[in-house]
Amino acid sequence: ICATADCASGQVSCNGAGAIPPATLVEITVASNGGQDFYDVSNVDGFNIPMSVTPQGGSGDCKTSSCPGNINV
């Protein structure tokens, strides 16, 4: 069980299940064979904590993705 949210899957991966209670998510897709990786902060399952992702190293013009404020208000 996670400290701030859970999806009731009993695993680290939610396997497509939504968060219980609503939770801020970081989504990361790592492409194989040198393909392009993707990342974002998602509030599709709701908001519970401020979150930020900042890439380090690599190439390209990658930016920080974040939701730093409480969007529930």
PDB file of N, CA and C in Angstrom:
ATOM      1  N   ILE A   1       0.853  -1.181   0.000  1.00  0.00           N
ATOM      2  CA  ILE A   1       0.000   0.000   0.000  1.00  0.00           C
ATOM      3  C   ILE A   1       0.892   1.235   0.000  1.00  0.00           C
ATOM      4  N   CYS A   2       0.537   2.189  -0.833  1.00  0.00           N
ATOM      5  CA  CYS A   2       1.308   3.426  -0.918  1.00  0.00           C
ATOM      6  C   CYS A   2       0.912   4.392   0.190  1.00  0.00           C
ATOM      7  N   ALA A   3       1.802   5.316   0.523  1.00  0.00           N
ATOM      8  CA  ALA A   3       1.560   6.265   1.616  1.00  0.00           C
ATOM      9  C   ALA A   3       0.529   7.329   1.259  1.00  0.00           C
ATOM     10  N   THR A   4       0.388   7.699  -0.041  1.00  0.00           N
ATOM     11  CA  THR A   4      -0.507   8.795  -0.390  1.00  0.00           C
ATOM     12  C   THR A   4      -1.703   8.373  -1.230  1.00  0.00           C
ATOM     13  N   ALA A   5      -1.666   7.211  -1.866  1.00  0.00           N
ATOM     14  CA  ALA A   5      -2.778   6.729  -2.687  1.00  0.00           C
ATOM     15  C   ALA A   5      -2.510   5.279  -3.060  1.00  0.00           C
ATOM     16  N   ASP A   6      -3.532   4.612  -3.534  1.00  0.00           N
ATOM     17  CA  ASP A   6      -3.414   3.213  -3.900  1.00  0.00           C
ATOM     18  C   ASP A   6      -4.451   2.913  -4.972  1.00  0.00           C
ATOM     19  N   CYS A   7      -4.284   1.813  -5.696  1.00  0.00           N
ATOM     20  CA  CYS A   7      -5.254   1.433  -6.721  1.00  0.00           C
ATOM     21  C   CYS A   7      -5.878   0.075  -6.427  1.00  0.00           C
ATOM     22  N   ALA A   8      -5.603  -0.470  -5.247  1.00  0.00           N
ATOM     23  CA  ALA A   8      -6.187  -1.729  -4.783  1.00  0.00           C
ATOM     24  C   ALA A   8      -5.801  -2.924  -5.641  1.00  0.00           C
ATOM     25  N   SER A   9      -4.668  -2.841  -6.367  1.00  0.00           N
ATOM     26  CA  SER A   9      -4.228  -3.977  -7.177  1.00  0.00           C
ATOM     27  C   SER A   9      -3.384  -4.954  -6.366  1.00  0.00           C
ATOM     28  N   GLY A  10      -2.853  -4.518  -5.218  1.00  0.00           N
ATOM     29  CA  GLY A  10      -1.964  -5.355  -4.431  1.00  0.00           C
ATOM     30  C   GLY A  10      -0.566  -5.438  -5.022  1.00  0.00           C
ATOM     31  N   GLN A  11      -0.275  -4.622  -6.046  1.00  0.00           N
ATOM     32  CA  GLN A  11       1.013  -4.605  -6.727  1.00  0.00           C
ATOM     33  C   GLN A  11       1.471  -3.162  -6.882  1.00  0.00           C
ATOM     34  N   VAL A  12       2.736  -2.987  -7.305  1.00  0.00           N
ATOM     35  CA  VAL A  12       3.224  -1.640  -7.601  1.00  0.00           C
ATOM     36  C   VAL A  12       2.484  -1.091  -8.818  1.00  0.00           C
ATOM     37  N   SER A  13       2.264  -1.926  -9.842  1.00  0.00           N
ATOM     38  CA  SER A  13       1.552  -1.522 -11.050  1.00  0.00           C
ATOM     39  C   SER A  13       0.052  -1.584 -10.818  1.00  0.00           C
ATOM     40  N   CYS A  14      -0.682  -0.605 -11.323  1.00  0.00           N
ATOM     41  CA  CYS A  14      -2.139  -0.584 -11.155  1.00  0.00           C
ATOM     42  C   CYS A  14      -2.866  -1.412 -12.220  1.00  0.00           C
ATOM     43  N   ASN A  15      -2.154  -1.839 -13.265  1.00  0.00           N
ATOM     44  CA  ASN A  15      -2.751  -2.682 -14.312  1.00  0.00           C
ATOM     45  C   ASN A  15      -4.036  -2.086 -14.880  1.00  0.00           C
ATOM     46  N   GLY A  16      -4.054  -0.777 -15.085  1.00  0.00           N
ATOM     47  CA  GLY A  16      -5.201  -0.111 -15.692  1.00  0.00           C
ATOM     48  C   GLY A  16      -6.252   0.374 -14.715  1.00  0.00           C
ATOM     49  N   ALA A  17      -6.134   0.020 -13.438  1.00  0.00           N
ATOM     50  CA  ALA A  17      -7.115   0.449 -12.442  1.00  0.00           C
ATOM     51  C   ALA A  17      -6.879   1.911 -12.064  1.00  0.00           C
ATOM     52  N   GLY A  18      -7.933   2.621 -11.727  1.00  0.00           N
ATOM     53  CA  GLY A  18      -7.813   3.998 -11.284  1.00  0.00           C
ATOM     54  C   GLY A  18      -7.374   4.069  -9.836  1.00  0.00           C
ATOM     55  N   ALA A  19      -6.977   5.228  -9.418  1.00  0.00           N
ATOM     56  CA  ALA A  19      -6.477   5.425  -8.061  1.00  0.00           C
ATOM     57  C   ALA A  19      -7.613   5.509  -7.051  1.00  0.00           C
ATOM     58  N   ILE A  20      -7.344   4.989  -5.840  1.00  0.00           N
ATOM     59  CA  ILE A  20      -8.270   5.084  -4.714  1.00  0.00           C
ATOM     60  C   ILE A  20      -7.449   5.558  -3.524  1.00  0.00           C
ATOM     61  N   PRO A  21      -7.552   6.690  -2.926  1.00  0.00           N
ATOM     62  CA  PRO A  21      -8.383   7.810  -3.356  1.00  0.00           C
ATOM     63  C   PRO A  21      -7.784   8.483  -4.592  1.00  0.00           C
ATOM     64  N   PRO A  22      -8.388   9.551  -5.122  1.00  0.00           N
ATOM     65  CA  PRO A  22      -7.798  10.240  -6.281  1.00  0.00           C
ATOM     66  C   PRO A  22      -6.329  10.568  -6.046  1.00  0.00           C
ATOM     67  N   ALA A  23      -5.529  10.429  -7.106  1.00  0.00           N
ATOM     68  CA  ALA A  23      -4.083  10.576  -6.951  1.00  0.00           C
ATOM     69  C   ALA A  23      -3.440  11.249  -8.146  1.00  0.00           C
ATOM     70  N   THR A  24      -2.446  12.086  -7.870  1.00  0.00           N
ATOM     71  CA  THR A  24      -1.584  12.654  -8.894  1.00  0.00           C
ATOM     72  C   THR A  24      -0.646  11.547  -9.375  1.00  0.00           C
ATOM     73  N   LEU A  25      -0.446  11.434 -10.682  1.00  0.00           N
ATOM     74  CA  LEU A  25       0.392  10.376 -11.249  1.00  0.00           C
ATOM     75  C   LEU A  25       1.527  10.952 -12.075  1.00  0.00           C
ATOM     76  N   VAL A  26       2.665  10.270 -12.074  1.00  0.00           N
ATOM     77  CA  VAL A  26       3.730  10.521 -13.039  1.00  0.00           C
ATOM     78  C   VAL A  26       3.710   9.348 -13.992  1.00  0.00           C
ATOM     79  N   GLU A  27       3.617   9.631 -15.294  1.00  0.00           N
ATOM     80  CA  GLU A  27       3.595   8.583 -16.310  1.00  0.00           C
ATOM     81  C   GLU A  27       4.875   8.670 -17.126  1.00  0.00           C
ATOM     82  N   ILE A  28       5.597   7.549 -17.225  1.00  0.00           N
ATOM     83  CA  ILE A  28       6.863   7.510 -17.961  1.00  0.00           C
ATOM     84  C   ILE A  28       6.817   6.352 -18.948  1.00  0.00           C
ATOM     85  N   THR A  29       7.119   6.630 -20.202  1.00  0.00           N
ATOM     86  CA  THR A  29       7.236   5.604 -21.240  1.00  0.00           C
ATOM     87  C   THR A  29       8.659   5.631 -21.746  1.00  0.00           C
ATOM     88  N   VAL A  30       9.387   4.539 -21.533  1.00  0.00           N
ATOM     89  CA  VAL A  30      10.764   4.433 -21.983  1.00  0.00           C
ATOM     90  C   VAL A  30      10.772   3.581 -23.248  1.00  0.00           C
ATOM     91  N   ALA A  31      11.167   4.192 -24.357  1.00  0.00           N
ATOM     92  CA  ALA A  31      11.171   3.509 -25.647  1.00  0.00           C
ATOM     93  C   ALA A  31      12.414   2.639 -25.789  1.00  0.00           C
ATOM     94  N   SER A  32      12.260   1.510 -26.437  1.00  0.00           N
ATOM     95  CA  SER A  32      13.394   0.611 -26.672  1.00  0.00           C
ATOM     96  C   SER A  32      14.173   1.036 -27.911  1.00  0.00           C
ATOM     97  N   ASN A  33      15.371   0.524 -28.044  1.00  0.00           N
ATOM     98  CA  ASN A  33      16.211   0.721 -29.235  1.00  0.00           C
ATOM     99  C   ASN A  33      16.475   2.183 -29.566  1.00  0.00           C
ATOM    100  N   GLY A  34      16.676   3.009 -28.546  1.00  0.00           N
ATOM    101  CA  GLY A  34      17.021   4.407 -28.793  1.00  0.00           C
ATOM    102  C   GLY A  34      15.871   5.262 -29.254  1.00  0.00           C
ATOM    103  N   GLY A  35      14.633   4.801 -29.080  1.00  0.00           N
ATOM    104  CA  GLY A  35      13.468   5.593 -29.468  1.00  0.00           C
ATOM    105  C   GLY A  35      13.251   6.747 -28.521  1.00  0.00           C
ATOM    106  N   GLN A  36      12.212   7.524 -28.766  1.00  0.00           N
ATOM    107  CA  GLN A  36      11.934   8.707 -27.959  1.00  0.00           C
ATOM    108  C   GLN A  36      11.150   8.324 -26.707  1.00  0.00           C
ATOM    109  N   ASP A  37      11.609   8.783 -25.541  1.00  0.00           N
ATOM    110  CA  ASP A  37      10.935   8.552 -24.273  1.00  0.00           C
ATOM    111  C   ASP A  37       9.926   9.681 -24.029  1.00  0.00           C
ATOM    112  N   PHE A  38       8.881   9.382 -23.254  1.00  0.00           N
ATOM    113  CA  PHE A  38       7.853  10.364 -22.937  1.00  0.00           C
ATOM    114  C   PHE A  38       7.589  10.363 -21.443  1.00  0.00           C
ATOM    115  N   TYR A  39       7.193  11.513 -20.892  1.00  0.00           N
ATOM    116  CA  TYR A  39       6.855  11.623 -19.476  1.00  0.00           C
ATOM    117  C   TYR A  39       5.856  12.751 -19.297  1.00  0.00           C
ATOM    118  N   ASP A  40       5.025  12.637 -18.268  1.00  0.00           N
ATOM    119  CA  ASP A  40       4.094  13.710 -17.938  1.00  0.00           C
ATOM    120  C   ASP A  40       3.590  13.534 -16.519  1.00  0.00           C
ATOM    121  N   VAL A  41       3.012  14.596 -15.979  1.00  0.00           N
ATOM    122  CA  VAL A  41       2.303  14.542 -14.709  1.00  0.00           C
ATOM    123  C   VAL A  41       0.826  14.556 -15.070  1.00  0.00           C
ATOM    124  N   SER A  42       0.071  13.590 -14.537  1.00  0.00           N
ATOM    125  CA  SER A  42      -1.337  13.438 -14.894  1.00  0.00           C
ATOM    126  C   SER A  42      -2.235  13.606 -13.670  1.00  0.00           C
ATOM    127  N   ASN A  43      -3.350  14.285 -13.883  1.00  0.00           N
ATOM    128  CA  ASN A  43      -4.368  14.423 -12.844  1.00  0.00           C
ATOM    129  C   ASN A  43      -5.676  13.769 -13.286  1.00  0.00           C
ATOM    130  N   VAL A  44      -5.597  12.840 -14.211  1.00  0.00           N
ATOM    131  CA  VAL A  44      -6.793  12.158 -14.706  1.00  0.00           C
ATOM    132  C   VAL A  44      -7.476  11.364 -13.589  1.00  0.00           C
ATOM    133  N   ASP A  45      -6.709  10.892 -12.608  1.00  0.00           N
ATOM    134  CA  ASP A  45      -7.276  10.186 -11.461  1.00  0.00           C
ATOM    135  C   ASP A  45      -7.452  11.108 -10.260  1.00  0.00           C
ATOM    136  N   GLY A  46      -7.361  12.416 -10.470  1.00  0.00           N
ATOM    137  CA  GLY A  46      -7.524  13.376  -9.388  1.00  0.00           C
ATOM    138  C   GLY A  46      -6.188  13.933  -8.919  1.00  0.00           C
ATOM    139  N   PHE A  47      -6.235  14.775  -7.910  1.00  0.00           N
ATOM    140  CA  PHE A  47      -5.049  15.426  -7.359  1.00  0.00           C
ATOM    141  C   PHE A  47      -4.968  15.132  -5.876  1.00  0.00           C
ATOM    142  N   ASN A  48      -3.755  14.729  -5.395  1.00  0.00           N
ATOM    143  CA  ASN A  48      -3.581  14.580  -3.957  1.00  0.00           C
ATOM    144  C   ASN A  48      -2.279  15.181  -3.436  1.00  0.00           C
ATOM    145  N   ILE A  49      -1.246  15.306  -4.281  1.00  0.00           N
ATOM    146  CA  ILE A  49       0.016  15.922  -3.856  1.00  0.00           C
ATOM    147  C   ILE A  49       0.638  16.676  -5.027  1.00  0.00           C
ATOM    148  N   PRO A  50       1.356  17.769  -4.752  1.00  0.00           N
ATOM    149  CA  PRO A  50       2.108  18.446  -5.811  1.00  0.00           C
ATOM    150  C   PRO A  50       3.196  17.498  -6.335  1.00  0.00           C
ATOM    151  N   MET A  51       3.453  17.508  -7.632  1.00  0.00           N
ATOM    152  CA  MET A  51       4.434  16.603  -8.200  1.00  0.00           C
ATOM    153  C   MET A  51       5.141  17.266  -9.372  1.00  0.00           C
ATOM    154  N   SER A  52       6.413  16.859  -9.597  1.00  0.00           N
ATOM    155  CA  SER A  52       7.225  17.417 -10.672  1.00  0.00           C
ATOM    156  C   SER A  52       8.178  16.355 -11.198  1.00  0.00           C
ATOM    157  N   VAL A  53       8.416  16.364 -12.521  1.00  0.00           N
ATOM    158  CA  VAL A  53       9.399  15.484 -13.158  1.00  0.00           C
ATOM    159  C   VAL A  53      10.352  16.373 -13.939  1.00  0.00           C
ATOM    160  N   THR A  54      11.650  16.242 -13.676  1.00  0.00           N
ATOM    161  CA  THR A  54      12.660  17.009 -14.390  1.00  0.00           C
ATOM    162  C   THR A  54      13.695  16.044 -14.953  1.00  0.00           C
ATOM    163  N   PRO A  55      13.803  15.951 -16.281  1.00  0.00           N
ATOM    164  CA  PRO A  55      14.777  15.030 -16.876  1.00  0.00           C
ATOM    165  C   PRO A  55      16.210  15.485 -16.628  1.00  0.00           C
ATOM    166  N   GLN A  56      17.115  14.526 -16.538  1.00  0.00           N
ATOM    167  CA  GLN A  56      18.540  14.793 -16.330  1.00  0.00           C
ATOM    168  C   GLN A  56      19.320  14.080 -17.429  1.00  0.00           C
ATOM    169  N   GLY A  57      20.261  14.754 -18.057  1.00  0.00           N
ATOM    170  CA  GLY A  57      21.077  14.145 -19.098  1.00  0.00           C
ATOM    171  C   GLY A  57      20.274  13.936 -20.372  1.00  0.00           C
ATOM    172  N   GLY A  58      20.737  13.034 -21.203  1.00  0.00           N
ATOM    173  CA  GLY A  58      20.049  12.761 -22.460  1.00  0.00           C
ATOM    174  C   GLY A  58      20.257  13.868 -23.466  1.00  0.00           C
ATOM    175  N   SER A  59      19.443  13.862 -24.504  1.00  0.00           N
ATOM    176  CA  SER A  59      19.549  14.874 -25.550  1.00  0.00           C
ATOM    177  C   SER A  59      18.168  15.460 -25.818  1.00  0.00           C
ATOM    178  N   GLY A  60      18.140  16.527 -26.572  1.00  0.00           N
ATOM    179  CA  GLY A  60      16.872  17.174 -26.886  1.00  0.00           C
ATOM    180  C   GLY A  60      16.606  18.343 -25.970  1.00  0.00           C
ATOM    181  N   ASP A  61      15.415  18.902 -26.097  1.00  0.00           N
ATOM    182  CA  ASP A  61      15.030  20.088 -25.341  1.00  0.00           C
ATOM    183  C   ASP A  61      13.934  19.730 -24.344  1.00  0.00           C
ATOM    184  N   CYS A  62      14.231  18.809 -23.440  1.00  0.00           N
ATOM    185  CA  CYS A  62      13.244  18.322 -22.478  1.00  0.00           C
ATOM    186  C   CYS A  62      13.006  19.338 -21.375  1.00  0.00           C
ATOM    187  N   LYS A  63      11.763  19.507 -21.001  1.00  0.00           N
ATOM    188  CA  LYS A  63      11.351  20.484 -19.987  1.00  0.00           C
ATOM    189  C   LYS A  63      10.786  19.766 -18.763  1.00  0.00           C
ATOM    190  N   THR A  64      10.672  20.504 -17.668  1.00  0.00           N
ATOM    191  CA  THR A  64      10.027  19.999 -16.460  1.00  0.00           C
ATOM    192  C   THR A  64       8.530  19.920 -16.691  1.00  0.00           C
ATOM    193  N   SER A  65       7.917  18.841 -16.216  1.00  0.00           N
ATOM    194  CA  SER A  65       6.464  18.680 -16.230  1.00  0.00           C
ATOM    195  C   SER A  65       6.022  18.648 -14.774  1.00  0.00           C
ATOM    196  N   SER A  66       5.047  19.501 -14.404  1.00  0.00           N
ATOM    197  CA  SER A  66       4.666  19.554 -13.007  1.00  0.00           C
ATOM    198  C   SER A  66       3.221  20.001 -12.821  1.00  0.00           C
ATOM    199  N   CYS A  67       2.723  19.726 -11.638  1.00  0.00           N
ATOM    200  CA  CYS A  67       1.463  20.274 -11.145  1.00  0.00           C
ATOM    201  C   CYS A  67       1.742  20.642  -9.696  1.00  0.00           C
ATOM    202  N   PRO A  68       2.292  21.854  -9.473  1.00  0.00           N
ATOM    203  CA  PRO A  68       2.772  22.226  -8.141  1.00  0.00           C
ATOM    204  C   PRO A  68       1.714  22.720  -7.171  1.00  0.00           C
ATOM    205  N   GLY A  69       0.535  23.078  -7.671  1.00  0.00           N
ATOM    206  CA  GLY A  69      -0.471  23.658  -6.787  1.00  0.00           C
ATOM    207  C   GLY A  69      -1.692  22.777  -6.625  1.00  0.00           C
ATOM    208  N   ASN A  70      -2.438  23.003  -5.572  1.00  0.00           N
ATOM    209  CA  ASN A  70      -3.653  22.238  -5.302  1.00  0.00           C
ATOM    210  C   ASN A  70      -4.739  22.669  -6.281  1.00  0.00           C
ATOM    211  N   ILE A  71      -5.043  21.833  -7.262  1.00  0.00           N
ATOM    212  CA  ILE A  71      -6.045  22.175  -8.272  1.00  0.00           C
ATOM    213  C   ILE A  71      -7.458  21.840  -7.813  1.00  0.00           C
ATOM    214  N   ASN A  72      -7.604  21.253  -6.616  1.00  0.00           N
ATOM    215  CA  ASN A  72      -8.929  20.949  -6.095  1.00  0.00           C
ATOM    216  C   ASN A  72      -9.655  22.207  -5.644  1.00  0.00           C
ATOM    217  N   VAL A  73      -8.893  23.251  -5.298  1.00  0.00           N
ATOM    218  CA  VAL A  73      -9.547  24.492  -4.863  1.00  0.00           C
ATOM    219  C   VAL A  73      -9.955  25.271  -6.089  1.00  0.00           C
TER     220      VAL A  73
END
